[in-house]
């Protein structure tokens, strides 16, 4: 790997990657070769005949024909030279082999719009900055898994084909399934709860979820990666929030330790590991705070809107110096049927949204585990209880709760990007099914 060259002594080496730039000069040729770990300068002094003319020999002829993006293997002599701007090393070529040649005309440039870049995503991802996003994602996910495993959680892989909707028929993708109809899972919700009935106790999953939502915003997708966890024997949604913030801290700590300097160099952003506990504000109080800041949430229902979330985040940053805030105790009218309600005020649920830098990244709650109350709440929402199939609740299930979190949103906000297309490997939206 190119990143390993600096630690090697001068001498013979072999590297492989794609051509980033070529400077084909009369007396010497330079090729900047890049692989997924970095870039190195290849040097080829030209052969000059006795009459002063340049000899068309190898690898000079091959270098002259290289186009950007061509994948090659190179061998030569590694030399450390502090005068070389690119890492203080270079390789004097002895041979260069073209593995696959690239079309000379590159369809995207540094200033191409995001839709154009998504059309050619595999080329867009060759950029070191874009490559880093998915290294950060890998580190973040690994840290979450490490926390879960070390704390006795079981990883599950839930079906994405469902016989009935998990929450409601809204935003569902429907497809033919042999002689019947199937739906793509909006979330692993019921399956996570089934694991509580199975006695698993603590579970997690990182997997795809689907929403038939015709939104074209910078934070929505029709297919996304959902980070889910569910735990038994909780006393309230406070237990879920504690789990959630500990996971976030574990993930951010790992990212800062491994990629902090590179993120600062390429994105101009310092990754801040949040302190615990995160601020917690009941939704009604949050709305009052936002109103006092001069913004009235214009929604007809009881929910917060995106501008309200930005306003409450600004307040939390000013007041607590924190990038995260739990908005708690949402009205039952805007929450799913399976959220438990407060004993002293059944209009409110034991639930929360986690807001990060002004954008909601997650919803969590204590679940209603008593099947009679659960069925009643489902009927209130106009749902068909038979279709939901809540039968596993009838065989005993402990008090439990959990959350689902959008991975791409977390990364988008961590790196201070404006669009989750940037933090999604291959984005899917209402008008995009390729590449």
Protein backbone atom coordinates (compact mmCIF):
# COMPACT_ATOMS: atom_id res chain seq x y z
CA UNK A 1 0.00 0.00 0.00
CA UNK A 2 1.18 3.53 -0.76
CA UNK A 3 0.67 4.60 2.86
CA UNK A 4 3.31 2.03 3.89
CA UNK A 5 6.07 3.36 1.62
CA UNK A 6 7.30 6.13 3.93
CA UNK A 7 8.34 3.56 6.55
CA UNK A 8 10.34 1.49 4.06
CA UNK A 9 14.06 1.97 3.30
CA UNK A 10 15.24 3.02 -0.13
CA UNK A 11 15.15 0.09 -2.53
CA UNK A 12 12.95 -1.93 -4.89
CA UNK A 13 9.18 -1.68 -4.46
CA UNK A 14 6.00 -2.55 -6.33
CA UNK A 15 2.77 -0.53 -6.12
CA UNK A 16 -0.58 -0.50 -7.89
CA UNK A 17 -3.40 1.99 -8.27
CA UNK A 18 -4.97 4.47 -10.64
CA UNK A 19 -3.39 7.39 -12.48
CA UNK A 20 -4.31 10.76 -11.01
CA UNK A 21 -2.10 13.06 -13.10
CA UNK A 22 0.62 12.79 -15.76
CA UNK A 23 3.32 15.37 -16.55
CA UNK A 24 4.91 14.25 -19.81
CA UNK A 25 7.98 16.45 -20.14
CA UNK A 26 10.81 16.20 -22.66
CA UNK A 27 13.51 15.03 -20.26
CA UNK A 28 11.49 13.41 -17.46
CA UNK A 29 7.98 12.07 -16.90
CA UNK A 30 6.01 12.27 -13.67
CA UNK A 31 2.95 10.18 -12.77
CA UNK A 32 0.95 10.67 -9.58
CA UNK A 33 -0.37 7.22 -8.69
CA UNK A 34 -3.14 6.83 -6.11
CA UNK A 35 -4.55 3.85 -4.29
CA UNK A 36 -7.12 3.76 -1.49
CA UNK A 37 -4.46 4.62 1.08
CA UNK A 38 -2.69 7.60 -0.52
CA UNK A 39 -0.68 8.92 -3.47
CA UNK A 40 2.95 8.68 -4.61
CA UNK A 41 4.99 10.26 -7.37
CA UNK A 42 6.46 7.97 -10.03
CA UNK A 43 9.46 9.34 -11.97
CA UNK A 44 10.78 8.20 -15.33
CA UNK A 45 13.86 10.01 -16.73
CA UNK A 46 13.61 9.96 -20.55
CA UNK A 47 16.30 8.25 -22.66
CA UNK A 48 18.04 10.77 -24.93
CA UNK A 49 20.05 9.64 -27.97
CA UNK A 50 23.52 10.87 -28.93
CA UNK A 51 21.92 13.32 -31.34
CA UNK A 52 19.83 14.81 -28.53
CA UNK A 53 16.50 13.31 -29.62
CA UNK A 54 14.20 11.57 -27.13
CA UNK A 55 14.07 7.81 -27.58
CA UNK A 56 10.58 6.23 -27.69
CA UNK A 57 11.29 3.39 -25.27
CA UNK A 58 9.44 1.81 -22.35
CA UNK A 59 7.99 2.77 -19.98
CA UNK A 60 8.10 6.25 -21.59
CA UNK A 61 5.76 5.34 -24.46
CA UNK A 62 3.22 3.79 -22.08
CA UNK A 63 3.33 6.83 -19.80
CA UNK A 64 2.72 9.18 -22.74
CA UNK A 65 -0.50 7.29 -23.51
CA UNK A 66 -1.89 7.19 -19.96
CA UNK A 67 -5.27 8.77 -19.25
CA UNK A 68 -6.58 9.80 -15.84
CA UNK A 69 -8.15 6.87 -13.99
CA UNK A 70 -6.16 4.13 -15.77
CA UNK A 71 -5.25 1.31 -13.36
CA UNK A 72 -1.59 0.28 -13.47
CA UNK A 73 1.08 -1.73 -11.68
CA UNK A 74 4.48 -0.09 -11.20
CA UNK A 75 7.87 -1.34 -10.03
CA UNK A 76 10.93 0.73 -9.34
CA UNK A 77 13.36 2.10 -6.78
CA UNK A 78 11.91 3.88 -3.76
CA UNK A 79 13.83 7.01 -2.82
CA UNK A 80 13.33 9.30 0.18
CA UNK A 81 13.80 12.95 -0.82
CA UNK A 82 12.51 15.76 1.37
CA UNK A 83 12.30 18.01 -1.69
CA UNK A 84 9.42 15.92 -3.05
CA UNK A 85 6.23 17.70 -1.98
CA UNK A 86 4.11 14.56 -2.11
CA UNK A 87 5.14 12.77 1.08
CA UNK A 88 8.91 13.24 0.71
CA UNK A 89 9.27 10.05 -1.35
CA UNK A 90 9.21 9.03 -5.00
CA UNK A 91 9.66 5.89 -7.08
CA UNK A 92 12.06 5.81 -10.03
CA UNK A 93 10.31 3.51 -12.48
CA UNK A 94 11.73 0.36 -13.98
CA UNK A 95 8.45 -0.97 -15.40
CA UNK A 96 4.80 0.06 -15.75
CA UNK A 97 1.97 -2.30 -16.71
CA UNK A 98 -1.49 -1.08 -17.70
CA UNK A 99 -4.16 -3.33 -16.17
CA UNK A 100 -7.22 -1.43 -17.46
CA UNK A 101 -7.14 1.76 -19.51
CA UNK A 102 -9.67 4.51 -18.78
CA UNK A 103 -11.62 6.56 -21.31
CA UNK A 104 -9.72 9.87 -21.64
CA UNK A 105 -12.77 12.11 -21.20
CA UNK A 106 -13.73 12.25 -17.49
CA UNK A 107 -17.50 12.85 -17.10
CA UNK A 108 -17.27 14.74 -13.78
CA UNK A 109 -15.06 17.47 -12.39
CA UNK A 110 -14.40 18.97 -8.97
CA UNK A 111 -17.15 21.55 -9.53
CA UNK A 112 -19.80 19.12 -10.82
CA UNK A 113 -23.22 19.25 -9.12
CA UNK A 114 -24.22 16.53 -6.70
CA UNK A 115 -26.72 14.85 -9.07
CA UNK A 116 -24.08 14.63 -11.79
CA UNK A 117 -21.61 13.25 -9.29
CA UNK A 118 -24.15 10.64 -8.16
CA UNK A 119 -24.50 9.55 -11.81
CA UNK A 120 -20.79 8.71 -11.76
CA UNK A 121 -20.49 7.78 -8.10
CA UNK A 122 -17.71 5.21 -8.61
CA UNK A 123 -15.52 7.98 -10.04
CA UNK A 124 -16.63 10.49 -7.41
CA UNK A 125 -15.55 8.11 -4.65
CA UNK A 126 -11.96 8.09 -5.89
CA UNK A 127 -11.59 11.51 -4.28
CA UNK A 128 -9.67 11.15 -0.97
CA UNK A 129 -12.25 13.32 0.82
CA UNK A 130 -15.12 11.12 -0.31
CA UNK A 131 -13.17 7.95 0.39
CA UNK A 132 -12.60 9.13 3.96
CA UNK A 133 -16.36 9.32 4.60
CA UNK A 134 -16.66 5.55 4.31
CA UNK A 135 -13.57 4.90 6.40
CA UNK A 136 -15.21 7.02 9.09
CA UNK A 137 -18.43 5.03 8.63
CA UNK A 138 -16.52 1.76 9.09
CA UNK A 139 -14.83 3.00 12.27
CA UNK A 140 -18.11 4.37 13.67
CA UNK A 141 -20.03 1.14 13.04
CA UNK A 142 -17.22 -0.99 14.45
CA UNK A 143 -17.19 1.07 17.66
CA UNK A 144 -20.95 0.64 18.07
CA UNK A 145 -20.66 -3.11 17.55
CA UNK A 146 -17.78 -3.28 20.00
CA UNK A 147 -19.89 -1.50 22.65
CA UNK A 148 -22.85 -3.81 22.04
CA UNK A 149 -20.82 -7.02 22.08
CA UNK A 150 -18.86 -6.03 25.19
CA UNK A 151 -22.16 -5.30 26.95
CA UNK A 152 -23.81 -8.63 26.18
CA UNK A 153 -25.99 -7.67 23.20
CA UNK A 154 -26.98 -10.16 20.50
CA UNK A 155 -26.77 -9.15 16.83
CA UNK A 156 -29.87 -10.04 14.79
CA UNK A 157 -30.62 -9.87 11.08
CA UNK A 158 -34.32 -9.25 10.58
CA UNK A 159 -36.33 -9.91 7.39
CA UNK A 160 -36.81 -7.05 4.96
CA UNK A 161 -39.76 -8.77 3.29
CA UNK A 162 -42.86 -8.54 5.46
CA UNK A 163 -46.38 -9.95 5.21
CA UNK A 164 -47.87 -6.88 6.90
CA UNK A 165 -46.82 -3.31 7.68
CA UNK A 166 -44.77 -2.75 10.84
CA UNK A 167 -46.18 0.68 11.63
CA UNK A 168 -48.81 1.73 9.09
CA UNK A 169 -49.48 1.47 5.39
CA UNK A 170 -48.09 4.94 4.86
CA UNK A 171 -44.73 5.12 3.08
CA UNK A 172 -44.71 1.39 2.27
CA UNK A 173 -43.21 -0.25 -0.80
CA UNK A 174 -45.49 -3.05 -1.96
CA UNK A 175 -44.44 -5.90 -4.26
CA UNK A 176 -45.76 -9.13 -5.70
CA UNK A 177 -44.63 -12.15 -3.69
CA UNK A 178 -45.62 -15.40 -5.44
CA UNK A 179 -49.40 -15.64 -4.91
CA UNK A 180 -49.60 -12.87 -2.33
CA UNK A 181 -48.33 -9.36 -1.53
CA UNK A 182 -45.24 -8.44 0.46
CA UNK A 183 -43.94 -5.15 1.85
CA UNK A 184 -40.41 -3.86 2.25
CA UNK A 185 -39.69 -3.25 5.93
CA UNK A 186 -39.85 0.36 7.10
CA UNK A 187 -37.97 -0.72 10.22
CA UNK A 188 -37.15 -3.91 12.15
CA UNK A 189 -39.50 -2.75 14.90
CA UNK A 190 -41.72 -5.80 15.52
CA UNK A 191 -38.83 -8.19 14.93
CA UNK A 192 -36.72 -6.40 17.55
CA UNK A 193 -39.62 -6.69 19.97
CA UNK A 194 -40.08 -10.37 19.09
CA UNK A 195 -36.47 -10.86 20.27
CA UNK A 196 -37.54 -9.49 23.67
CA UNK A 197 -40.30 -12.11 23.82
CA UNK A 198 -37.68 -14.70 22.85
CA UNK A 199 -35.67 -13.81 25.93
CA UNK A 200 -32.72 -12.30 24.02
CA UNK A 201 -32.73 -9.33 26.39
CA UNK A 202 -30.48 -6.96 24.41
CA UNK A 203 -30.28 -6.89 20.63
CA UNK A 204 -28.91 -4.73 17.84
CA UNK A 205 -28.97 -4.55 14.06
CA UNK A 206 -27.39 -2.39 11.38
CA UNK A 207 -29.32 -2.98 8.18
CA UNK A 208 -31.40 -1.53 5.35
CA UNK A 209 -34.83 0.04 5.77
CA UNK A 210 -37.22 1.35 3.13
CA UNK A 211 -39.61 4.30 3.05
CA UNK A 212 -41.83 5.08 0.06
CA UNK A 213 -41.51 8.76 0.88
CA UNK A 214 -41.57 11.10 -2.16
CA UNK A 215 -39.35 13.63 -0.37
CA UNK A 216 -36.57 15.40 -2.24
CA UNK A 217 -34.90 16.97 0.79
CA UNK A 218 -31.21 16.75 1.63
CA UNK A 219 -31.92 14.39 4.55
CA UNK A 220 -34.35 11.81 3.09
CA UNK A 221 -33.82 8.60 1.14
CA UNK A 222 -36.09 5.75 0.04
CA UNK A 223 -33.53 3.16 1.16
CA UNK A 224 -31.25 3.87 4.09
CA UNK A 225 -29.13 2.12 6.69
CA UNK A 226 -30.82 1.98 10.07
CA UNK A 227 -28.96 1.50 13.34
CA UNK A 228 -31.33 -0.24 15.76
CA UNK A 229 -31.17 -1.49 19.32
CA UNK A 230 -33.73 -2.86 21.79
CA UNK A 231 -33.34 -3.76 25.46
CA UNK A 232 -35.44 -5.57 28.08
CA UNK A 233 -36.27 -4.71 31.67
CA UNK A 234 -36.19 -0.93 31.39
CA UNK A 235 -37.95 1.40 33.82
CA UNK A 236 -38.58 4.17 31.29
CA UNK A 237 -37.32 5.76 28.09
CA UNK A 238 -34.54 7.26 30.23
CA UNK A 239 -32.81 3.85 30.13
CA UNK A 240 -32.95 3.90 26.32
CA UNK A 241 -31.52 7.42 26.19
CA UNK A 242 -28.65 6.37 28.45
CA UNK A 243 -27.82 3.47 26.13
CA UNK A 244 -28.12 5.75 23.12
CA UNK A 245 -25.77 8.44 24.39
CA UNK A 246 -23.17 5.87 25.51
CA UNK A 247 -23.19 4.40 22.00
CA UNK A 248 -22.79 7.84 20.42
CA UNK A 249 -19.84 8.60 22.69
CA UNK A 250 -18.20 5.28 21.82
CA UNK A 251 -18.63 5.91 18.09
CA UNK A 252 -17.41 9.51 18.17
CA UNK A 253 -14.43 8.65 20.36
CA UNK A 254 -13.28 5.98 17.88
CA UNK A 255 -13.71 8.32 14.89
CA UNK A 256 -11.83 11.16 16.57
CA UNK A 257 -8.98 8.89 17.64
CA UNK A 258 -8.54 7.26 14.23
CA UNK A 259 -9.54 9.96 11.74
CA UNK A 260 -9.68 13.26 13.65
CA UNK A 261 -6.61 14.85 12.06
CA UNK A 262 -7.56 13.75 8.54
CA UNK A 263 -11.15 14.98 8.98
CA UNK A 264 -9.82 18.35 10.09
CA UNK A 265 -7.48 18.52 7.09
CA UNK A 266 -9.99 17.46 4.42
CA UNK A 267 -13.28 18.75 5.86
CA UNK A 268 -12.09 21.60 8.10
CA UNK A 269 -14.14 20.10 10.93
CA UNK A 270 -13.09 19.14 14.44
CA UNK A 271 -14.89 16.03 15.69
CA UNK A 272 -16.17 16.73 19.20
CA UNK A 273 -16.84 13.79 21.51
CA UNK A 274 -20.02 14.78 23.39
CA UNK A 275 -20.19 14.80 27.16
CA UNK A 276 -22.85 12.82 29.03
CA UNK A 277 -25.58 13.10 29.95
CA UNK A 278 -26.94 14.79 26.83
CA UNK A 279 -29.38 17.64 27.53
CA UNK A 280 -33.01 16.46 27.79
CA UNK A 281 -35.91 18.83 27.08
CA UNK A 282 -39.61 17.87 27.01
CA UNK A 283 -41.13 18.78 23.65
CA UNK A 284 -43.65 21.23 25.14
CA UNK A 285 -40.84 23.09 26.88
CA UNK A 286 -38.74 23.04 23.69
CA UNK A 287 -41.60 24.67 21.79
CA UNK A 288 -41.82 27.40 24.43
CA UNK A 289 -38.08 28.02 24.17
CA UNK A 290 -38.28 28.21 20.39
CA UNK A 291 -41.23 30.63 20.61
CA UNK A 292 -39.25 32.85 22.99
CA UNK A 293 -36.52 32.93 20.33
CA UNK A 294 -39.08 34.38 17.92
CA UNK A 295 -40.09 31.29 15.99
CA UNK A 296 -43.59 29.81 16.14
CA UNK A 297 -43.79 26.24 14.83
CA UNK A 298 -46.43 26.47 12.06
CA UNK A 299 -47.48 22.79 12.03
CA UNK A 300 -51.13 21.86 12.53
CA UNK A 301 -50.16 18.77 14.56
CA UNK A 302 -48.15 18.65 17.79
CA UNK A 303 -44.79 17.84 16.19
CA UNK A 304 -41.67 19.97 15.88
CA UNK A 305 -40.63 21.10 12.39
CA UNK A 306 -37.10 21.27 10.90
CA UNK A 307 -36.65 24.96 11.67
CA UNK A 308 -37.82 24.33 15.24
CA UNK A 309 -35.19 21.59 15.54
CA UNK A 310 -32.53 24.00 14.31
CA UNK A 311 -33.68 26.63 16.78
CA UNK A 312 -33.66 24.31 19.79
CA UNK A 313 -30.21 23.03 18.77
CA UNK A 314 -28.94 26.62 18.64
CA UNK A 315 -30.36 27.18 22.13
CA UNK A 316 -28.71 24.01 23.45
CA UNK A 317 -25.37 24.98 21.89
CA UNK A 318 -25.58 28.46 23.43
CA UNK A 319 -26.78 27.23 26.84
CA UNK A 320 -24.96 23.92 27.29
CA UNK A 321 -22.24 23.99 24.61
CA UNK A 322 -23.62 20.66 23.34
CA UNK A 323 -24.29 19.39 19.79
CA UNK A 324 -26.92 16.86 20.93
CA UNK A 325 -30.30 17.19 22.62
CA UNK A 326 -33.02 14.67 23.47
CA UNK A 327 -36.51 16.09 22.88
CA UNK A 328 -38.77 13.96 25.08
CA UNK A 329 -42.42 13.24 25.86
CA UNK A 330 -43.99 13.57 22.43
CA UNK A 331 -47.77 13.74 22.11
CA UNK A 332 -49.43 10.37 21.49
CA UNK A 333 -51.20 11.81 18.44
CA UNK A 334 -47.93 11.97 16.50
CA UNK A 335 -46.30 8.80 17.78
CA UNK A 336 -46.71 5.16 16.66
CA UNK A 337 -49.23 2.93 18.41
CA UNK A 338 -46.50 0.89 20.13
CA UNK A 339 -45.05 3.81 22.14
CA UNK A 340 -45.94 3.55 25.84
CA UNK A 341 -47.90 6.44 27.31
CA UNK A 342 -47.36 8.18 30.64
CA UNK A 343 -49.50 6.83 33.47
CA UNK A 344 -50.31 10.32 34.78
CA UNK A 345 -50.90 11.84 31.32
CA UNK A 346 -51.94 9.38 28.57
CA UNK A 347 -51.72 12.16 25.95
CA UNK A 348 -47.91 11.96 26.23
CA UNK A 349 -45.59 9.09 25.26
CA UNK A 350 -42.42 7.83 26.90
CA UNK A 351 -40.48 8.67 23.78
CA UNK A 352 -37.79 10.95 22.41
CA UNK A 353 -36.15 12.27 19.27
CA UNK A 354 -32.40 12.76 19.26
CA UNK A 355 -31.41 16.02 17.56
CA UNK A 356 -27.82 16.46 16.38
CA UNK A 357 -26.64 19.81 15.04
CA UNK A 358 -30.21 20.85 14.23
CA UNK A 359 -31.41 17.66 12.54
CA UNK A 360 -33.32 14.68 13.95
CA UNK A 361 -31.23 11.52 13.65
CA UNK A 362 -33.24 9.06 15.74
CA UNK A 363 -36.49 8.17 17.47
CA UNK A 364 -36.59 6.05 20.61
CA UNK A 365 -39.13 5.04 23.22
CA UNK A 366 -40.29 2.64 25.86
CA UNK A 367 -42.62 0.21 24.06
CA UNK A 368 -46.06 -0.81 25.22
CA UNK A 369 -45.67 -4.47 26.21
CA UNK A 370 -49.19 -5.11 27.54
CA UNK A 371 -51.04 -6.63 24.60
CA UNK A 372 -54.51 -5.38 25.49
CA UNK A 373 -53.33 -1.78 25.72
CA UNK A 374 -51.20 -2.23 22.60
CA UNK A 375 -54.17 -3.48 20.59
CA UNK A 376 -56.32 -0.61 21.84
CA UNK A 377 -53.70 1.95 20.83
CA UNK A 378 -53.41 0.36 17.40
CA UNK A 379 -57.18 0.61 16.91
CA UNK A 380 -57.02 4.29 17.92
CA UNK A 381 -54.58 4.81 15.05
CA UNK A 382 -57.00 3.12 12.63
CA UNK A 383 -54.83 0.03 12.20
CA UNK A 384 -56.05 -3.52 11.66
CA UNK A 385 -54.88 -5.45 14.75
CA UNK A 386 -55.28 -8.81 12.97
CA UNK A 387 -53.06 -7.64 10.13
CA UNK A 388 -50.36 -6.38 12.52
CA UNK A 389 -50.15 -9.85 14.13
CA UNK A 390 -49.35 -9.02 17.73
CA UNK A 391 -49.83 -12.63 18.83
CA UNK A 392 -46.30 -13.02 20.21
CA UNK A 393 -47.18 -10.45 22.90
CA UNK A 394 -49.73 -12.94 24.29
CA UNK A 395 -46.99 -15.38 25.37
CA UNK A 396 -45.19 -13.00 27.72
CA UNK A 397 -42.78 -10.16 27.05
CA UNK A 398 -40.77 -8.00 29.48
CA UNK A 399 -40.90 -4.20 29.67
CA UNK A 400 -38.61 -2.99 26.91
CA UNK A 401 -37.60 -0.12 24.66
CA UNK A 402 -35.21 0.90 21.95
CA UNK A 403 -34.41 3.21 19.08
CA UNK A 404 -33.75 3.40 15.36
CA UNK A 405 -31.13 5.83 14.01
CA UNK A 406 -30.23 6.88 10.46
CA UNK A 407 -26.55 6.15 9.83
CA UNK A 408 -26.11 8.50 6.87
CA UNK A 409 -27.62 11.42 8.81
CA UNK A 410 -25.20 10.92 11.69
CA UNK A 411 -22.21 10.95 9.33
CA UNK A 412 -23.58 13.93 7.39
CA UNK A 413 -23.88 16.01 10.56
CA UNK A 414 -20.61 14.75 12.07
CA UNK A 415 -18.70 15.96 8.98
CA UNK A 416 -20.85 19.13 8.64
CA UNK A 417 -22.04 18.16 5.16
CA UNK A 418 -25.28 19.50 3.72
CA UNK A 419 -26.66 16.38 2.03
CA UNK A 420 -26.88 12.72 3.06
CA UNK A 421 -26.25 11.71 -0.55
CA UNK A 422 -22.61 12.48 0.31
CA UNK A 423 -22.61 9.94 3.15
CA UNK A 424 -24.57 7.23 1.31
CA UNK A 425 -22.50 4.83 -0.79
CA UNK A 426 -25.11 4.51 -3.56
CA UNK A 427 -28.10 6.77 -2.92
CA UNK A 428 -31.71 5.78 -3.58
CA UNK A 429 -34.42 8.43 -3.87
CA UNK A 430 -37.77 8.89 -5.64
CA UNK A 431 -36.02 9.46 -9.00
CA UNK A 432 -32.82 7.46 -8.54
CA UNK A 433 -32.40 3.72 -8.98
CA UNK A 434 -28.91 3.81 -10.57
CA UNK A 435 -26.02 3.29 -10.44
